[in-house]
Amino acid sequence: MLDVTVIEDPEAAAVSLDPTRARLLAELAAEPASAAMLAGKVGLPRQKVNYHLKALERHGLVELAGERRKGNVTERLMRATAASYVISPLALASVQPDPDRFRDQLSARWLLALGARLVRDVGTLITGATKARKRLATYALDGEVRFASAVDRAAFVQELTAGVSALIRKYDAPDAEGGRDHRIVVAVHPTVKDQPAPELDAPSP
């Protein structure tokens, strides 16, 4: 099972967003289970759970983990293909954000468009690397800082911009034969405090 995977197909995205199927995905991310085992947990008939599982399997969101005999019946044990999923903007390709439409370094909406492009591009790279069975070279830095004032925040942003720009000028080799372009995204935004996860009620039949 992967830690996280990206959903690019619109139909797969729609399947994953269905409340009942999202609940089944959550259960199968925790441990493998059969349709009969899941039926008791989500409050649905086994046949209906099996219907939803087939839809999830058809779109690569769950997979066969094994089989077991229970009386005269062989049960299929299913598991989620990932512990968590991210829906790529490619699933809404015609209306996906385009950060090239405008550039405003102080705009939260431009930052959101950049984040969406990051999800789209990295998801596409992961898909390609998986098919080619190659390792994908990436790097990420994540941290938090508390600014004493808005003035300090502005000074930090100014120094950060100057530092990163200097590194780009130092290492950028546009004419290097065999070189490969890389995108650099640096973001600063207020920290979002963690909220307790809402409890999921068992769906009605």
C-alpha atoms as a PDB file:
ATOM      1  CA  MET A   1       0.000   0.000   0.000  1.00  0.00           C
ATOM      2  CA  LEU A   2       1.266   3.442  -0.934  1.00  0.00           C
ATOM      3  CA  ASP A   3       1.331   6.238   1.642  1.00  0.00           C
ATOM      4  CA  VAL A   4      -0.384   8.646  -0.758  1.00  0.00           C
ATOM      5  CA  THR A   5      -1.400   8.496  -4.395  1.00  0.00           C
ATOM      6  CA  VAL A   6      -2.937  10.890  -6.876  1.00  0.00           C
ATOM      7  CA  ILE A   7      -6.282  10.520  -8.661  1.00  0.00           C
ATOM      8  CA  GLU A   8      -6.169  12.022 -12.151  1.00  0.00           C
ATOM      9  CA  ASP A   9      -9.159  10.375 -13.811  1.00  0.00           C
ATOM     10  CA  PRO A  10     -12.452  12.316 -13.465  1.00  0.00           C
ATOM     11  CA  GLU A  11     -14.522   9.146 -13.052  1.00  0.00           C
ATOM     12  CA  ALA A  12     -12.182   7.808 -10.364  1.00  0.00           C
ATOM     13  CA  ALA A  13     -12.414  11.161  -8.577  1.00  0.00           C
ATOM     14  CA  ALA A  14     -16.215  11.008  -8.656  1.00  0.00           C
ATOM     15  CA  VAL A  15     -16.147   7.451  -7.290  1.00  0.00           C
ATOM     16  CA  SER A  16     -13.836   8.418  -4.437  1.00  0.00           C
ATOM     17  CA  LEU A  17     -15.995  11.405  -3.448  1.00  0.00           C
ATOM     18  CA  ASP A  18     -19.130   9.334  -2.965  1.00  0.00           C
ATOM     19  CA  PRO A  19     -19.689   9.344   0.844  1.00  0.00           C
ATOM     20  CA  THR A  20     -20.305   5.597   1.091  1.00  0.00           C
ATOM     21  CA  ARG A  21     -17.287   4.704  -1.034  1.00  0.00           C
ATOM     22  CA  ALA A  22     -15.104   7.197   0.821  1.00  0.00           C
ATOM     23  CA  ARG A  23     -16.110   5.448   4.061  1.00  0.00           C
ATOM     24  CA  LEU A  24     -15.204   2.059   2.566  1.00  0.00           C
ATOM     25  CA  LEU A  25     -11.848   3.447   1.423  1.00  0.00           C
ATOM     26  CA  ALA A  26     -11.143   4.664   4.941  1.00  0.00           C
ATOM     27  CA  GLU A  27     -11.954   1.248   6.385  1.00  0.00           C
ATOM     28  CA  LEU A  28      -9.809  -0.558   3.817  1.00  0.00           C
ATOM     29  CA  ALA A  29      -6.910   1.844   4.371  1.00  0.00           C
ATOM     30  CA  ALA A  30      -6.879   0.691   8.001  1.00  0.00           C
ATOM     31  CA  GLU A  31      -6.956  -3.061   7.263  1.00  0.00           C
ATOM     32  CA  PRO A  32      -8.071  -5.537   4.582  1.00  0.00           C
ATOM     33  CA  ALA A  33     -11.673  -6.683   4.810  1.00  0.00           C
ATOM     34  CA  SER A  34     -14.330  -8.549   2.877  1.00  0.00           C
ATOM     35  CA  ALA A  35     -17.710  -7.227   1.783  1.00  0.00           C
ATOM     36  CA  ALA A  36     -19.352  -9.150   4.637  1.00  0.00           C
ATOM     37  CA  MET A  37     -16.949  -7.673   7.204  1.00  0.00           C
ATOM     38  CA  LEU A  38     -17.511  -4.157   5.889  1.00  0.00           C
ATOM     39  CA  ALA A  39     -21.292  -4.543   5.790  1.00  0.00           C
ATOM     40  CA  GLY A  40     -21.498  -4.648   9.579  1.00  0.00           C
ATOM     41  CA  LYS A  41     -19.216  -1.632   9.949  1.00  0.00           C
ATOM     42  CA  VAL A  42     -21.004   0.679   7.528  1.00  0.00           C
ATOM     43  CA  GLY A  43     -24.562  -0.566   8.045  1.00  0.00           C
ATOM     44  CA  LEU A  44     -25.249  -1.719   4.494  1.00  0.00           C
ATOM     45  CA  PRO A  45     -26.236  -5.096   3.002  1.00  0.00           C
ATOM     46  CA  ARG A  46     -23.279  -7.199   1.826  1.00  0.00           C
ATOM     47  CA  GLN A  47     -24.532  -7.099  -1.786  1.00  0.00           C
ATOM     48  CA  LYS A  48     -24.565  -3.298  -1.788  1.00  0.00           C
ATOM     49  CA  VAL A  49     -21.088  -3.141  -0.252  1.00  0.00           C
ATOM     50  CA  ASN A  50     -19.867  -5.549  -2.899  1.00  0.00           C
ATOM     51  CA  TYR A  51     -21.316  -3.271  -5.598  1.00  0.00           C
ATOM     52  CA  HIS A  52     -19.393  -0.293  -4.221  1.00  0.00           C
ATOM     53  CA  LEU A  53     -16.195  -2.338  -3.884  1.00  0.00           C
ATOM     54  CA  LYS A  54     -16.362  -3.352  -7.527  1.00  0.00           C
ATOM     55  CA  ALA A  55     -16.655   0.304  -8.536  1.00  0.00           C
ATOM     56  CA  LEU A  56     -13.628   1.199  -6.391  1.00  0.00           C
ATOM     57  CA  GLU A  57     -11.645  -1.742  -7.768  1.00  0.00           C
ATOM     58  CA  ARG A  58     -12.524  -0.832 -11.341  1.00  0.00           C
ATOM     59  CA  HIS A  59     -10.847   2.547 -10.845  1.00  0.00           C
ATOM     60  CA  GLY A  60      -7.781   1.191  -9.062  1.00  0.00           C
ATOM     61  CA  LEU A  61      -8.698   2.559  -5.634  1.00  0.00           C
ATOM     62  CA  VAL A  62      -8.864  -0.854  -3.955  1.00  0.00           C
ATOM     63  CA  GLU A  63      -7.186  -4.150  -4.780  1.00  0.00           C
ATOM     64  CA  LEU A  64      -7.325  -7.817  -3.825  1.00  0.00           C
ATOM     65  CA  ALA A  65      -5.313  -8.527  -0.683  1.00  0.00           C
ATOM     66  CA  GLY A  66      -6.159 -12.229  -0.431  1.00  0.00           C
ATOM     67  CA  GLU A  67      -8.943 -14.750  -0.109  1.00  0.00           C
ATOM     68  CA  ARG A  68     -10.312 -16.833   2.726  1.00  0.00           C
ATOM     69  CA  ARG A  69     -12.781 -19.676   3.029  1.00  0.00           C
ATOM     70  CA  LYS A  70     -15.843 -19.149   5.199  1.00  0.00           C
ATOM     71  CA  GLY A  71     -18.027 -22.217   5.107  1.00  0.00           C
ATOM     72  CA  ASN A  72     -18.796 -22.979   1.484  1.00  0.00           C
ATOM     73  CA  VAL A  73     -17.988 -19.425   0.386  1.00  0.00           C
ATOM     74  CA  THR A  74     -14.661 -17.926  -0.649  1.00  0.00           C
ATOM     75  CA  GLU A  75     -14.462 -14.324   0.505  1.00  0.00           C
ATOM     76  CA  ARG A  76     -12.309 -11.761  -1.262  1.00  0.00           C
ATOM     77  CA  LEU A  77     -10.314  -9.607   1.139  1.00  0.00           C
ATOM     78  CA  MET A  78      -9.844  -6.134  -0.299  1.00  0.00           C
ATOM     79  CA  ARG A  79      -7.516  -3.317   0.721  1.00  0.00           C
ATOM     80  CA  ALA A  80      -7.078   0.299  -0.323  1.00  0.00           C
ATOM     81  CA  THR A  81      -4.261   0.912  -2.783  1.00  0.00           C
ATOM     82  CA  ALA A  82      -3.103   3.880  -0.681  1.00  0.00           C
ATOM     83  CA  ALA A  83      -3.443   5.200   2.852  1.00  0.00           C
ATOM     84  CA  SER A  84      -4.614   8.543   1.452  1.00  0.00           C
ATOM     85  CA  TYR A  85      -5.560  10.073  -1.883  1.00  0.00           C
ATOM     86  CA  VAL A  86      -5.120  13.463  -3.535  1.00  0.00           C
ATOM     87  CA  ILE A  87      -7.345  14.518  -6.419  1.00  0.00           C
ATOM     88  CA  SER A  88      -5.338  16.166  -9.180  1.00  0.00           C
ATOM     89  CA  PRO A  89      -6.627  19.294 -10.950  1.00  0.00           C
ATOM     90  CA  LEU A  90      -6.442  17.104 -14.078  1.00  0.00           C
ATOM     91  CA  ALA A  91      -9.711  15.570 -12.895  1.00  0.00           C
ATOM     92  CA  LEU A  92     -11.250  18.992 -13.692  1.00  0.00           C
ATOM     93  CA  ALA A  93      -8.957  19.745 -16.597  1.00  0.00           C
ATOM     94  CA  SER A  94     -11.156  22.344 -18.305  1.00  0.00           C
ATOM     95  CA  VAL A  95     -11.382  24.509 -15.176  1.00  0.00           C
ATOM     96  CA  GLN A  96      -8.105  23.728 -13.422  1.00  0.00           C
ATOM     97  CA  PRO A  97      -6.225  26.731 -11.984  1.00  0.00           C
ATOM     98  CA  ASP A  98      -3.615  28.341 -14.206  1.00  0.00           C
ATOM     99  CA  PRO A  99      -1.074  30.429 -12.254  1.00  0.00           C
ATOM    100  CA  ASP A 100       0.267  31.830 -15.530  1.00  0.00           C
ATOM    101  CA  ARG A 101      -2.927  33.840 -16.033  1.00  0.00           C
ATOM    102  CA  PHE A 102      -1.688  36.358 -13.514  1.00  0.00           C
ATOM    103  CA  ARG A 103       1.225  36.740 -11.129  1.00  0.00           C
ATOM    104  CA  ASP A 104       0.757  38.300  -7.719  1.00  0.00           C
ATOM    105  CA  GLN A 105       3.185  37.132  -5.059  1.00  0.00           C
ATOM    106  CA  LEU A 106       0.988  38.590  -2.332  1.00  0.00           C
ATOM    107  CA  SER A 107      -2.222  36.943  -3.546  1.00  0.00           C
ATOM    108  CA  ALA A 108      -3.525  33.950  -1.599  1.00  0.00           C
ATOM    109  CA  ARG A 109      -5.458  32.844  -4.674  1.00  0.00           C
ATOM    110  CA  TRP A 110      -2.299  32.847  -6.789  1.00  0.00           C
ATOM    111  CA  LEU A 111      -0.655  30.740  -4.071  1.00  0.00           C
ATOM    112  CA  LEU A 112      -3.614  28.355  -4.308  1.00  0.00           C
ATOM    113  CA  ALA A 113      -3.178  28.139  -8.090  1.00  0.00           C
ATOM    114  CA  LEU A 114       0.520  27.370  -7.599  1.00  0.00           C
ATOM    115  CA  GLY A 115      -0.352  24.654  -5.092  1.00  0.00           C
ATOM    116  CA  ALA A 116      -2.838  23.124  -7.517  1.00  0.00           C
ATOM    117  CA  ARG A 117      -0.226  23.084 -10.274  1.00  0.00           C
ATOM    118  CA  LEU A 118       2.221  21.449  -7.856  1.00  0.00           C
ATOM    119  CA  VAL A 119      -0.277  18.673  -7.131  1.00  0.00           C
ATOM    120  CA  ARG A 120      -0.958  18.222 -10.838  1.00  0.00           C
ATOM    121  CA  ASP A 121       2.688  18.166 -11.930  1.00  0.00           C
ATOM    122  CA  VAL A 122       4.017  15.969  -9.132  1.00  0.00           C
ATOM    123  CA  GLY A 123       1.089  13.595  -9.583  1.00  0.00           C
ATOM    124  CA  THR A 124       1.874  13.296 -13.284  1.00  0.00           C
ATOM    125  CA  LEU A 125       5.558  12.722 -12.515  1.00  0.00           C
ATOM    126  CA  ILE A 126       4.713  10.022  -9.967  1.00  0.00           C
ATOM    127  CA  THR A 127       2.458   8.280 -12.472  1.00  0.00           C
ATOM    128  CA  GLY A 128       5.189   8.344 -15.124  1.00  0.00           C
ATOM    129  CA  ALA A 129       7.925   7.219 -12.740  1.00  0.00           C
ATOM    130  CA  THR A 130       5.756   4.342 -11.494  1.00  0.00           C
ATOM    131  CA  LYS A 131       5.082   3.125 -15.022  1.00  0.00           C
ATOM    132  CA  ALA A 132       8.789   3.373 -15.879  1.00  0.00           C
ATOM    133  CA  ARG A 133       9.749   1.786 -12.540  1.00  0.00           C
ATOM    134  CA  LYS A 134      12.140   4.641 -11.868  1.00  0.00           C
ATOM    135  CA  ARG A 135      12.815   6.692  -8.774  1.00  0.00           C
ATOM    136  CA  LEU A 136      11.625  10.292  -8.903  1.00  0.00           C
ATOM    137  CA  ALA A 137      14.135  12.888  -7.658  1.00  0.00           C
ATOM    138  CA  THR A 138      12.322  15.534  -5.608  1.00  0.00           C
ATOM    139  CA  TYR A 139      12.935  17.630  -2.509  1.00  0.00           C
ATOM    140  CA  ALA A 140      10.619  19.400  -0.090  1.00  0.00           C
ATOM    141  CA  LEU A 141      11.183  21.634   2.916  1.00  0.00           C
ATOM    142  CA  ASP A 142       8.471  22.182   5.490  1.00  0.00           C
ATOM    143  CA  GLY A 143       8.697  24.291   8.627  1.00  0.00           C
ATOM    144  CA  GLU A 144       7.047  26.919  10.776  1.00  0.00           C
ATOM    145  CA  VAL A 145       8.144  30.310  12.023  1.00  0.00           C
ATOM    146  CA  ARG A 146       6.410  32.791  14.325  1.00  0.00           C
ATOM    147  CA  PHE A 147       6.915  36.397  13.289  1.00  0.00           C
ATOM    148  CA  ALA A 148       6.883  39.007  16.033  1.00  0.00           C
ATOM    149  CA  SER A 149       5.309  41.549  13.685  1.00  0.00           C
ATOM    150  CA  ALA A 150       4.169  42.192  10.133  1.00  0.00           C
ATOM    151  CA  VAL A 151       7.373  44.156   9.628  1.00  0.00           C
ATOM    152  CA  ASP A 152       9.463  41.087  10.495  1.00  0.00           C
ATOM    153  CA  ARG A 153       7.378  38.984   8.141  1.00  0.00           C
ATOM    154  CA  ALA A 154       7.960  41.431   5.291  1.00  0.00           C
ATOM    155  CA  ALA A 155      11.709  41.470   6.012  1.00  0.00           C
ATOM    156  CA  PHE A 156      11.775  37.661   6.047  1.00  0.00           C
ATOM    157  CA  VAL A 157      10.021  37.492   2.676  1.00  0.00           C
ATOM    158  CA  GLN A 158      12.456  40.020   1.233  1.00  0.00           C
ATOM    159  CA  GLU A 159      15.507  38.064   2.447  1.00  0.00           C
ATOM    160  CA  LEU A 160      13.981  34.765   1.328  1.00  0.00           C
ATOM    161  CA  THR A 161      13.336  36.152  -2.154  1.00  0.00           C
ATOM    162  CA  ALA A 162      16.865  37.520  -2.411  1.00  0.00           C
ATOM    163  CA  GLY A 163      18.434  34.284  -1.188  1.00  0.00           C
ATOM    164  CA  VAL A 164      16.482  31.975  -3.463  1.00  0.00           C
ATOM    165  CA  SER A 165      16.979  34.304  -6.437  1.00  0.00           C
ATOM    166  CA  ALA A 166      20.740  34.285  -5.808  1.00  0.00           C
ATOM    167  CA  LEU A 167      20.787  30.477  -5.746  1.00  0.00           C
ATOM    168  CA  ILE A 168      18.826  30.332  -8.994  1.00  0.00           C
ATOM    169  CA  ARG A 169      21.262  32.711 -10.676  1.00  0.00           C
ATOM    170  CA  LYS A 170      24.197  30.677  -9.365  1.00  0.00           C
ATOM    171  CA  TYR A 171      23.034  27.239 -10.512  1.00  0.00           C
ATOM    172  CA  ASP A 172      20.841  27.987 -13.517  1.00  0.00           C
ATOM    173  CA  ALA A 173      22.478  26.566 -16.656  1.00  0.00           C
ATOM    174  CA  PRO A 174      19.980  27.133 -19.489  1.00  0.00           C
ATOM    175  CA  ASP A 175      22.467  26.068 -22.160  1.00  0.00           C
ATOM    176  CA  ALA A 176      23.707  22.916 -20.414  1.00  0.00           C
ATOM    177  CA  GLU A 177      23.445  19.953 -22.767  1.00  0.00           C
ATOM    178  CA  GLY A 178      21.644  17.100 -21.042  1.00  0.00           C
ATOM    179  CA  GLY A 179      20.411  19.346 -18.235  1.00  0.00           C
ATOM    180  CA  ARG A 180      16.883  19.075 -16.904  1.00  0.00           C
ATOM    181  CA  ASP A 181      14.572  21.912 -15.916  1.00  0.00           C
ATOM    182  CA  HIS A 182      13.225  21.973 -12.363  1.00  0.00           C
ATOM    183  CA  ARG A 183      10.434  24.057 -10.876  1.00  0.00           C
ATOM    184  CA  ILE A 184      10.934  25.802  -7.535  1.00  0.00           C
ATOM    185  CA  VAL A 185       7.942  26.758  -5.408  1.00  0.00           C
ATOM    186  CA  VAL A 186       8.372  28.602  -2.105  1.00  0.00           C
ATOM    187  CA  ALA A 187       5.321  29.550  -0.065  1.00  0.00           C
ATOM    188  CA  VAL A 188       4.676  31.491   3.118  1.00  0.00           C
ATOM    189  CA  HIS A 189       1.205  31.490   4.678  1.00  0.00           C
ATOM    190  CA  PRO A 190      -0.363  31.561   8.138  1.00  0.00           C
ATOM    191  CA  THR A 191      -0.468  28.211   9.897  1.00  0.00           C
ATOM    192  CA  VAL A 192      -3.825  26.455   9.896  1.00  0.00           C
ATOM    193  CA  LYS A 193      -4.541  24.942  13.296  1.00  0.00           C
ATOM    194  CA  ASP A 194      -5.431  21.248  13.208  1.00  0.00           C
ATOM    195  CA  GLN A 195      -9.129  20.531  13.564  1.00  0.00           C
ATOM    196  CA  PRO A 196     -10.459  17.269  15.025  1.00  0.00           C
ATOM    197  CA  ALA A 197     -11.627  14.915  12.304  1.00  0.00           C
ATOM    198  CA  PRO A 198     -15.434  14.734  12.089  1.00  0.00           C
ATOM    199  CA  GLU A 199     -17.005  11.442  13.078  1.00  0.00           C
ATOM    200  CA  LEU A 200     -18.508   9.583  10.134  1.00  0.00           C
ATOM    201  CA  ASP A 201     -22.032   8.298  10.635  1.00  0.00           C
ATOM    202  CA  ALA A 202     -22.957   4.997   9.084  1.00  0.00           C
ATOM    203  CA  PRO A 203     -24.679   5.731   5.754  1.00  0.00           C
ATOM    204  CA  SER A 204     -28.317   4.795   5.390  1.00  0.00           C
ATOM    205  CA  PRO A 205     -29.180   2.062   2.918  1.00  0.00           C
END
